[in-house]
Amino acid sequence: MSDLLTVSEVADILRVDDTTVRRWVKQGALEAVVLPHVNTRQAYRIKRETLNRVIGDTNQTAAK
């Protein structure tokens, strides 16, 4: 598996819409790598370790 995930891959894993993942990135809630782009839409990649940390934090919060 790749160490960098697309917005769609992260959305599938978290069971949310792509727009939600993009919003989290823009708000700073989810750290992402911004790829150079030509179009108006930013291209992001999320590190697998970042996603694992977010999932871990969610699981710990839910367990409390």
PDB file of N, CA and C in Angstrom:
ATOM      1  N   MET A   1       0.831  -1.195   0.000  1.00  0.00           N
ATOM      2  CA  MET A   1       0.000   0.000   0.000  1.00  0.00           C
ATOM      3  C   MET A   1       0.870   1.250   0.000  1.00  0.00           C
ATOM      4  N   SER A   2       0.349   2.281  -0.626  1.00  0.00           N
ATOM      5  CA  SER A   2       1.081   3.533  -0.715  1.00  0.00           C
ATOM      6  C   SER A   2       1.046   4.276   0.622  1.00  0.00           C
ATOM      7  N   ASP A   3       2.083   5.064   0.853  1.00  0.00           N
ATOM      8  CA  ASP A   3       2.128   5.868   2.071  1.00  0.00           C
ATOM      9  C   ASP A   3       1.317   7.146   1.935  1.00  0.00           C
ATOM     10  N   LEU A   4       0.981   7.521   0.677  1.00  0.00           N
ATOM     11  CA  LEU A   4       0.160   8.694   0.433  1.00  0.00           C
ATOM     12  C   LEU A   4      -1.181   8.260  -0.139  1.00  0.00           C
ATOM     13  N   LEU A   5      -2.246   8.758   0.453  1.00  0.00           N
ATOM     14  CA  LEU A   5      -3.600   8.385   0.034  1.00  0.00           C
ATOM     15  C   LEU A   5      -4.289   9.566  -0.638  1.00  0.00           C
ATOM     16  N   THR A   6      -5.142   9.272  -1.597  1.00  0.00           N
ATOM     17  CA  THR A   6      -5.926  10.318  -2.241  1.00  0.00           C
ATOM     18  C   THR A   6      -7.085  10.719  -1.335  1.00  0.00           C
ATOM     19  N   VAL A   7      -7.700  11.826  -1.669  1.00  0.00           N
ATOM     20  CA  VAL A   7      -8.875  12.289  -0.928  1.00  0.00           C
ATOM     21  C   VAL A   7      -9.970  11.231  -0.992  1.00  0.00           C
ATOM     22  N   SER A   8     -10.168  10.630  -2.159  1.00  0.00           N
ATOM     23  CA  SER A   8     -11.207   9.605  -2.318  1.00  0.00           C
ATOM     24  C   SER A   8     -10.924   8.379  -1.459  1.00  0.00           C
ATOM     25  N   GLU A   9      -9.661   7.967  -1.397  1.00  0.00           N
ATOM     26  CA  GLU A   9      -9.307   6.804  -0.578  1.00  0.00           C
ATOM     27  C   GLU A   9      -9.569   7.077   0.899  1.00  0.00           C
ATOM     28  N   VAL A  10      -9.194   8.265   1.353  1.00  0.00           N
ATOM     29  CA  VAL A  10      -9.423   8.634   2.755  1.00  0.00           C
ATOM     30  C   VAL A  10     -10.922   8.710   3.035  1.00  0.00           C
ATOM     31  N   ALA A  11     -11.671   9.287   2.113  1.00  0.00           N
ATOM     32  CA  ALA A  11     -13.123   9.386   2.280  1.00  0.00           C
ATOM     33  C   ALA A  11     -13.750   7.998   2.390  1.00  0.00           C
ATOM     34  N   ASP A  12     -13.304   7.060   1.564  1.00  0.00           N
ATOM     35  CA  ASP A  12     -13.828   5.692   1.628  1.00  0.00           C
ATOM     36  C   ASP A  12     -13.518   5.043   2.973  1.00  0.00           C
ATOM     37  N   ILE A  13     -12.296   5.222   3.452  1.00  0.00           N
ATOM     38  CA  ILE A  13     -11.880   4.617   4.720  1.00  0.00           C
ATOM     39  C   ILE A  13     -12.697   5.185   5.882  1.00  0.00           C
ATOM     40  N   LEU A  14     -12.901   6.503   5.870  1.00  0.00           N
ATOM     41  CA  LEU A  14     -13.620   7.165   6.960  1.00  0.00           C
ATOM     42  C   LEU A  14     -15.132   7.180   6.758  1.00  0.00           C
ATOM     43  N   ARG A  15     -15.563   6.690   5.591  1.00  0.00           N
ATOM     44  CA  ARG A  15     -16.998   6.640   5.245  1.00  0.00           C
ATOM     45  C   ARG A  15     -17.645   8.017   5.283  1.00  0.00           C
ATOM     46  N   VAL A  16     -16.947   8.958   4.647  1.00  0.00           N
ATOM     47  CA  VAL A  16     -17.473  10.310   4.487  1.00  0.00           C
ATOM     48  C   VAL A  16     -17.340  10.701   3.019  1.00  0.00           C
ATOM     49  N   ASP A  17     -17.872  11.837   2.658  1.00  0.00           N
ATOM     50  CA  ASP A  17     -17.788  12.329   1.295  1.00  0.00           C
ATOM     51  C   ASP A  17     -16.433  12.992   1.047  1.00  0.00           C
ATOM     52  N   ASP A  18     -16.004  13.007  -0.211  1.00  0.00           N
ATOM     53  CA  ASP A  18     -14.749  13.669  -0.579  1.00  0.00           C
ATOM     54  C   ASP A  18     -14.734  15.127  -0.121  1.00  0.00           C
ATOM     55  N   THR A  19     -15.872  15.785  -0.245  1.00  0.00           N
ATOM     56  CA  THR A  19     -15.979  17.189   0.146  1.00  0.00           C
ATOM     57  C   THR A  19     -15.663  17.379   1.624  1.00  0.00           C
ATOM     58  N   THR A  20     -16.066  16.435   2.439  1.00  0.00           N
ATOM     59  CA  THR A  20     -15.793  16.498   3.874  1.00  0.00           C
ATOM     60  C   THR A  20     -14.295  16.426   4.132  1.00  0.00           C
ATOM     61  N   VAL A  21     -13.611  15.523   3.454  1.00  0.00           N
ATOM     62  CA  VAL A  21     -12.156  15.395   3.622  1.00  0.00           C
ATOM     63  C   VAL A  21     -11.474  16.685   3.181  1.00  0.00           C
ATOM     64  N   ARG A  22     -11.876  17.235   2.057  1.00  0.00           N
ATOM     65  CA  ARG A  22     -11.285  18.497   1.577  1.00  0.00           C
ATOM     66  C   ARG A  22     -11.526  19.632   2.582  1.00  0.00           C
ATOM     67  N   ARG A  23     -12.718  19.674   3.162  1.00  0.00           N
ATOM     68  CA  ARG A  23     -13.035  20.708   4.156  1.00  0.00           C
ATOM     69  C   ARG A  23     -12.138  20.553   5.384  1.00  0.00           C
ATOM     70  N   TRP A  24     -11.960  19.305   5.850  1.00  0.00           N
ATOM     71  CA  TRP A  24     -11.093  19.068   7.006  1.00  0.00           C
ATOM     72  C   TRP A  24      -9.665  19.529   6.731  1.00  0.00           C
ATOM     73  N   VAL A  25      -9.191  19.285   5.511  1.00  0.00           N
ATOM     74  CA  VAL A  25      -7.833  19.714   5.143  1.00  0.00           C
ATOM     75  C   VAL A  25      -7.761  21.239   5.171  1.00  0.00           C
ATOM     76  N   LYS A  26      -8.731  21.900   4.552  1.00  0.00           N
ATOM     77  CA  LYS A  26      -8.725  23.368   4.502  1.00  0.00           C
ATOM     78  C   LYS A  26      -8.836  23.986   5.891  1.00  0.00           C
ATOM     79  N   GLN A  27      -9.562  23.317   6.795  1.00  0.00           N
ATOM     80  CA  GLN A  27      -9.733  23.827   8.162  1.00  0.00           C
ATOM     81  C   GLN A  27      -8.536  23.496   9.052  1.00  0.00           C
ATOM     82  N   GLY A  28      -7.635  22.650   8.562  1.00  0.00           N
ATOM     83  CA  GLY A  28      -6.472  22.283   9.352  1.00  0.00           C
ATOM     84  C   GLY A  28      -6.705  21.108  10.279  1.00  0.00           C
ATOM     85  N   ALA A  29      -7.862  20.482  10.185  1.00  0.00           N
ATOM     86  CA  ALA A  29      -8.173  19.339  11.039  1.00  0.00           C
ATOM     87  C   ALA A  29      -7.489  18.063  10.557  1.00  0.00           C
ATOM     88  N   LEU A  30      -7.108  18.039   9.282  1.00  0.00           N
ATOM     89  CA  LEU A  30      -6.445  16.876   8.695  1.00  0.00           C
ATOM     90  C   LEU A  30      -5.255  17.373   7.890  1.00  0.00           C
ATOM     91  N   GLU A  31      -4.073  16.943   8.286  1.00  0.00           N
ATOM     92  CA  GLU A  31      -2.849  17.371   7.615  1.00  0.00           C
ATOM     93  C   GLU A  31      -2.722  16.690   6.257  1.00  0.00           C
ATOM     94  N   ALA A  32      -2.356  17.461   5.236  1.00  0.00           N
ATOM     95  CA  ALA A  32      -2.235  16.909   3.891  1.00  0.00           C
ATOM     96  C   ALA A  32      -1.084  17.555   3.140  1.00  0.00           C
ATOM     97  N   VAL A  33      -0.611  16.836   2.141  1.00  0.00           N
ATOM     98  CA  VAL A  33       0.399  17.356   1.226  1.00  0.00           C
ATOM     99  C   VAL A  33      -0.359  17.992   0.066  1.00  0.00           C
ATOM    100  N   VAL A  34      -0.032  19.242  -0.254  1.00  0.00           N
ATOM    101  CA  VAL A  34      -0.683  19.922  -1.368  1.00  0.00           C
ATOM    102  C   VAL A  34       0.191  19.723  -2.602  1.00  0.00           C
ATOM    103  N   LEU A  35      -0.398  19.135  -3.634  1.00  0.00           N
ATOM    104  CA  LEU A  35       0.330  18.882  -4.866  1.00  0.00           C
ATOM    105  C   LEU A  35       0.246  20.096  -5.782  1.00  0.00           C
ATOM    106  N   PRO A  36       1.295  20.298  -6.602  1.00  0.00           N
ATOM    107  CA  PRO A  36       1.213  21.379  -7.591  1.00  0.00           C
ATOM    108  C   PRO A  36       0.015  21.112  -8.507  1.00  0.00           C
ATOM    109  N   HIS A  37      -0.693  22.166  -8.866  1.00  0.00           N
ATOM    110  CA  HIS A  37      -1.888  21.973  -9.684  1.00  0.00           C
ATOM    111  C   HIS A  37      -2.031  23.074 -10.727  1.00  0.00           C
ATOM    112  N   VAL A  38      -2.750  22.752 -11.760  1.00  0.00           N
ATOM    113  CA  VAL A  38      -3.028  23.708 -12.824  1.00  0.00           C
ATOM    114  C   VAL A  38      -4.489  24.145 -12.748  1.00  0.00           C
ATOM    115  N   ASN A  39      -5.337  23.240 -12.344  1.00  0.00           N
ATOM    116  CA  ASN A  39      -6.767  23.531 -12.259  1.00  0.00           C
ATOM    117  C   ASN A  39      -7.084  24.357 -11.023  1.00  0.00           C
ATOM    118  N   THR A  40      -8.349  24.738 -10.886  1.00  0.00           N
ATOM    119  CA  THR A  40      -8.745  25.545  -9.739  1.00  0.00           C
ATOM    120  C   THR A  40      -8.854  24.727  -8.465  1.00  0.00           C
ATOM    121  N   ARG A  41      -9.047  23.416  -8.580  1.00  0.00           N
ATOM    122  CA  ARG A  41      -9.200  22.562  -7.406  1.00  0.00           C
ATOM    123  C   ARG A  41      -7.832  22.070  -6.934  1.00  0.00           C
ATOM    124  N   GLN A  42      -7.578  22.247  -5.654  1.00  0.00           N
ATOM    125  CA  GLN A  42      -6.331  21.763  -5.046  1.00  0.00           C
ATOM    126  C   GLN A  42      -6.298  20.238  -5.063  1.00  0.00           C
ATOM    127  N   ALA A  43      -5.124  19.695  -5.282  1.00  0.00           N
ATOM    128  CA  ALA A  43      -4.939  18.245  -5.201  1.00  0.00           C
ATOM    129  C   ALA A  43      -4.192  17.949  -3.909  1.00  0.00           C
ATOM    130  N   TYR A  44      -4.757  17.058  -3.102  1.00  0.00           N
ATOM    131  CA  TYR A  44      -4.173  16.722  -1.808  1.00  0.00           C
ATOM    132  C   TYR A  44      -3.817  15.250  -1.755  1.00  0.00           C
ATOM    133  N   ARG A  45      -2.839  14.935  -0.919  1.00  0.00           N
ATOM    134  CA  ARG A  45      -2.532  13.560  -0.548  1.00  0.00           C
ATOM    135  C   ARG A  45      -2.374  13.557   0.965  1.00  0.00           C
ATOM    136  N   ILE A  46      -2.926  12.537   1.582  1.00  0.00           N
ATOM    137  CA  ILE A  46      -2.869  12.423   3.037  1.00  0.00           C
ATOM    138  C   ILE A  46      -1.960  11.261   3.387  1.00  0.00           C
ATOM    139  N   LYS A  47      -1.030  11.515   4.287  1.00  0.00           N
ATOM    140  CA  LYS A  47      -0.109  10.454   4.708  1.00  0.00           C
ATOM    141  C   LYS A  47      -0.878   9.397   5.487  1.00  0.00           C
ATOM    142  N   ARG A  48      -0.537   8.147   5.240  1.00  0.00           N
ATOM    143  CA  ARG A  48      -1.193   7.028   5.929  1.00  0.00           C
ATOM    144  C   ARG A  48      -1.016   7.170   7.443  1.00  0.00           C
ATOM    145  N   GLU A  49       0.155   7.602   7.891  1.00  0.00           N
ATOM    146  CA  GLU A  49       0.388   7.750   9.328  1.00  0.00           C
ATOM    147  C   GLU A  49      -0.516   8.826   9.927  1.00  0.00           C
ATOM    148  N   THR A  50      -0.809   9.871   9.169  1.00  0.00           N
ATOM    149  CA  THR A  50      -1.734  10.905   9.634  1.00  0.00           C
ATOM    150  C   THR A  50      -3.128  10.327   9.787  1.00  0.00           C
ATOM    151  N   LEU A  51      -3.567   9.561   8.797  1.00  0.00           N
ATOM    152  CA  LEU A  51      -4.884   8.935   8.867  1.00  0.00           C
ATOM    153  C   LEU A  51      -4.960   7.966  10.035  1.00  0.00           C
ATOM    154  N   ASN A  52      -3.918   7.166  10.226  1.00  0.00           N
ATOM    155  CA  ASN A  52      -3.893   6.217  11.344  1.00  0.00           C
ATOM    156  C   ASN A  52      -3.979   6.951  12.681  1.00  0.00           C
ATOM    157  N   ARG A  53      -3.313   8.099  12.773  1.00  0.00           N
ATOM    158  CA  ARG A  53      -3.361   8.889  14.010  1.00  0.00           C
ATOM    159  C   ARG A  53      -4.778   9.418  14.240  1.00  0.00           C
ATOM    160  N   VAL A  54      -5.431   9.897  13.182  1.00  0.00           N
ATOM    161  CA  VAL A  54      -6.802  10.404  13.301  1.00  0.00           C
ATOM    162  C   VAL A  54      -7.742   9.277  13.703  1.00  0.00           C
ATOM    163  N   ILE A  55      -7.607   8.132  13.077  1.00  0.00           N
ATOM    164  CA  ILE A  55      -8.458   6.991  13.413  1.00  0.00           C
ATOM    165  C   ILE A  55      -8.212   6.548  14.847  1.00  0.00           C
ATOM    166  N   GLY A  56      -6.967   6.539  15.262  1.00  0.00           N
ATOM    167  CA  GLY A  56      -6.622   6.169  16.637  1.00  0.00           C
ATOM    168  C   GLY A  56      -7.220   7.128  17.643  1.00  0.00           C
ATOM    169  N   ASP A  57      -7.147   8.448  17.354  1.00  0.00           N
ATOM    170  CA  ASP A  57      -7.723   9.440  18.236  1.00  0.00           C
ATOM    171  C   ASP A  57      -9.226   9.275  18.333  1.00  0.00           C
ATOM    172  N   THR A  58      -9.871   8.972  17.223  1.00  0.00           N
ATOM    173  CA  THR A  58     -11.314   8.773  17.202  1.00  0.00           C
ATOM    174  C   THR A  58     -11.692   7.567  18.045  1.00  0.00           C
ATOM    175  N   ASN A  59     -10.946   6.484  17.909  1.00  0.00           N
ATOM    176  CA  ASN A  59     -11.232   5.279  18.673  1.00  0.00           C
ATOM    177  C   ASN A  59     -11.040   5.518  20.165  1.00  0.00           C
ATOM    178  N   GLN A  60     -10.026   6.271  20.535  1.00  0.00           N
ATOM    179  CA  GLN A  60      -9.791   6.546  21.942  1.00  0.00           C
ATOM    180  C   GLN A  60     -10.882   7.443  22.515  1.00  0.00           C
ATOM    181  N   THR A  61     -11.355   8.402  21.731  1.00  0.00           N
ATOM    182  CA  THR A  61     -12.419   9.293  22.184  1.00  0.00           C
ATOM    183  C   THR A  61     -13.718   8.512  22.354  1.00  0.00           C
ATOM    184  N   ALA A  62     -13.991   7.616  21.407  1.00  0.00           N
ATOM    185  CA  ALA A  62     -15.228   6.831  21.466  1.00  0.00           C
ATOM    186  C   ALA A  62     -15.233   5.865  22.660  1.00  0.00           C
ATOM    187  N   ALA A  63     -14.043   5.403  23.081  1.00  0.00           N
ATOM    188  CA  ALA A  63     -13.945   4.454  24.177  1.00  0.00           C
ATOM    189  C   ALA A  63     -14.184   5.114  25.531  1.00  0.00           C
ATOM    190  N   LYS A  64     -14.053   6.427  25.608  1.00  0.00           N
ATOM    191  CA  LYS A  64     -14.216   7.140  26.895  1.00  0.00           C
ATOM    192  C   LYS A  64     -15.656   7.257  27.280  1.00  0.00           C
TER     193      LYS A  64
END
